[in-house]
Amino acid sequence: MVLVAAMAIQNAVHRVHLGSAPPSTVMTGTTTQIMLDVADKIYPRTGEEDSSDSRLVRMSTNLLVFAIGCGAAALSYSRLGVWCFVVPPAVGMLSLVVRLVGWAKAGP
C-alpha cells in the first residue's frame, strides 16, 4: 500500500506542478485502462456503445512493446553487466548523426 500511495502522490504532484509536461506514469494509466477494457469485455454494460476495441488493441500493443523492451534490457544487463548502459547514449548519438547527415544532404 505504501507503493500505491507513492504512485498517487506522484500523479497528484505531476498534475498540480507539471501540468504542461507529459505524464511520468504512462504505463500505470495504460495498464489500468487495459484492465478496465478487459473487464468491460467480460461484463458488458447494457445500453452503451462499445468503443473500447480499437483502444484495447492499441494500448495492448504499447504494453507488449514496453514489456519486450524491458525484457531486452534485462537480458542485456545479464549478458553485459553495467556495460549495457553504454547502449542508450550510443543509439542516441547514432540517431543524431543520421539526422545531421540528412540535414547536410538536404541543404539549407
Protein backbone atom coordinates (compact mmCIF):
# COMPACT_ATOMS: atom_id res chain seq x y z
CA MET A 1 0.00 0.00 0.00
CA VAL A 2 2.98 2.30 0.50
CA LEU A 3 3.82 1.91 -3.19
CA VAL A 4 0.23 2.65 -4.19
CA ALA A 5 0.35 5.79 -2.06
CA ALA A 6 3.65 6.76 -3.68
CA MET A 7 2.12 6.43 -7.16
CA ALA A 8 -0.87 8.52 -6.06
CA ILE A 9 1.44 11.23 -4.76
CA GLN A 10 3.48 11.13 -7.98
CA ASN A 11 0.32 11.51 -10.08
CA ALA A 12 -1.02 14.34 -7.92
CA VAL A 13 2.27 16.27 -7.86
CA HIS A 14 2.56 15.93 -11.61
CA ARG A 15 -0.94 17.24 -12.25
CA VAL A 16 -0.56 20.15 -9.84
CA HIS A 17 3.00 21.28 -10.56
CA LEU A 18 3.85 19.91 -14.02
CA GLY A 19 0.53 20.14 -15.82
CA SER A 20 2.03 21.02 -19.20
CA ALA A 21 4.69 18.26 -19.11
CA PRO A 22 3.96 14.75 -20.36
CA PRO A 23 2.97 12.32 -17.61
CA SER A 24 5.65 10.22 -15.96
CA THR A 25 3.26 7.38 -15.14
CA VAL A 26 2.15 6.44 -18.62
CA MET A 27 2.38 2.68 -18.17
CA THR A 28 0.33 2.80 -14.97
CA GLY A 29 -2.52 4.56 -16.75
CA THR A 30 -2.21 2.32 -19.81
CA THR A 31 -2.31 -0.87 -17.75
CA THR A 32 -5.29 0.41 -15.77
CA GLN A 33 -7.20 1.26 -18.95
CA ILE A 34 -6.42 -2.16 -20.46
CA MET A 35 -7.80 -3.88 -17.38
CA LEU A 36 -10.94 -1.70 -17.45
CA ASP A 37 -11.48 -2.52 -21.13
CA VAL A 38 -10.98 -6.25 -20.47
CA ALA A 39 -13.49 -6.05 -17.62
CA ASP A 40 -15.95 -4.35 -19.98
CA LYS A 41 -15.45 -7.22 -22.44
CA ILE A 42 -16.11 -9.82 -19.76
CA TYR A 43 -19.04 -7.96 -18.17
CA PRO A 44 -20.51 -5.71 -20.89
CA ARG A 45 -22.69 -2.83 -19.80
CA THR A 46 -26.16 -2.79 -21.26
CA GLY A 47 -27.25 0.18 -23.33
CA GLU A 48 -23.79 1.60 -24.02
CA GLU A 49 -21.77 1.63 -27.22
CA ASP A 50 -18.61 -0.47 -27.22
CA SER A 51 -15.79 1.74 -28.45
CA SER A 52 -13.04 0.03 -26.49
CA ASP A 53 -11.97 -2.49 -29.17
CA SER A 54 -9.51 -0.26 -31.01
CA ARG A 55 -8.28 1.33 -27.79
CA LEU A 56 -7.70 -2.09 -26.26
CA VAL A 57 -5.66 -3.23 -29.27
CA ARG A 58 -3.56 -0.03 -29.35
CA MET A 59 -2.85 0.01 -25.63
CA SER A 60 -2.15 -3.72 -25.52
CA THR A 61 0.36 -3.27 -28.35
CA ASN A 62 2.06 -0.47 -26.40
CA LEU A 63 2.20 -2.65 -23.29
CA LEU A 64 3.61 -5.58 -25.26
CA VAL A 65 6.34 -3.45 -26.84
CA PHE A 66 7.18 -1.98 -23.42
CA ALA A 67 7.44 -5.49 -21.93
CA ILE A 68 9.68 -6.63 -24.81
CA GLY A 69 11.90 -3.60 -24.22
CA CYS A 70 12.10 -4.39 -20.51
CA GLY A 71 13.00 -7.99 -21.30
CA ALA A 72 15.67 -6.90 -23.77
CA ALA A 73 17.13 -4.52 -21.20
CA ALA A 74 17.19 -7.25 -18.54
CA LEU A 75 18.82 -9.68 -20.96
CA SER A 76 21.45 -7.16 -22.00
CA TYR A 77 22.20 -6.40 -18.34
CA SER A 78 22.57 -10.10 -17.55
CA ARG A 79 24.94 -10.54 -20.51
CA LEU A 80 26.87 -7.26 -20.46
CA GLY A 81 26.60 -6.06 -16.87
CA VAL A 82 26.90 -2.30 -16.43
CA TRP A 83 28.28 -2.01 -19.97
CA CYS A 84 24.68 -2.24 -21.19
CA PHE A 85 24.27 1.39 -20.07
CA VAL A 86 26.51 2.42 -22.96
CA VAL A 87 23.86 1.32 -25.48
CA PRO A 88 21.25 4.12 -24.97
CA PRO A 89 23.71 7.01 -25.39
CA ALA A 90 25.27 5.22 -28.38
CA VAL A 91 21.86 4.83 -30.03
CA GLY A 92 21.10 8.49 -29.28
CA MET A 93 24.39 9.60 -30.82
CA LEU A 94 23.79 7.41 -33.87
CA SER A 95 20.33 8.90 -34.40
CA LEU A 96 21.81 12.41 -34.06
CA VAL A 97 24.47 11.63 -36.66
CA VAL A 98 21.86 10.20 -39.04
CA ARG A 99 19.72 13.30 -38.61
CA LEU A 100 22.63 15.69 -39.13
CA VAL A 101 23.72 13.82 -42.25
CA GLY A 102 20.16 14.02 -43.56
CA TRP A 103 20.12 17.78 -43.00
CA ALA A 104 23.51 18.15 -44.65
CA LYS A 105 22.28 16.30 -47.76
CA ALA A 106 19.06 18.32 -47.90
CA GLY A 107 20.97 21.59 -47.72
CA PRO A 108 19.84 24.94 -46.31
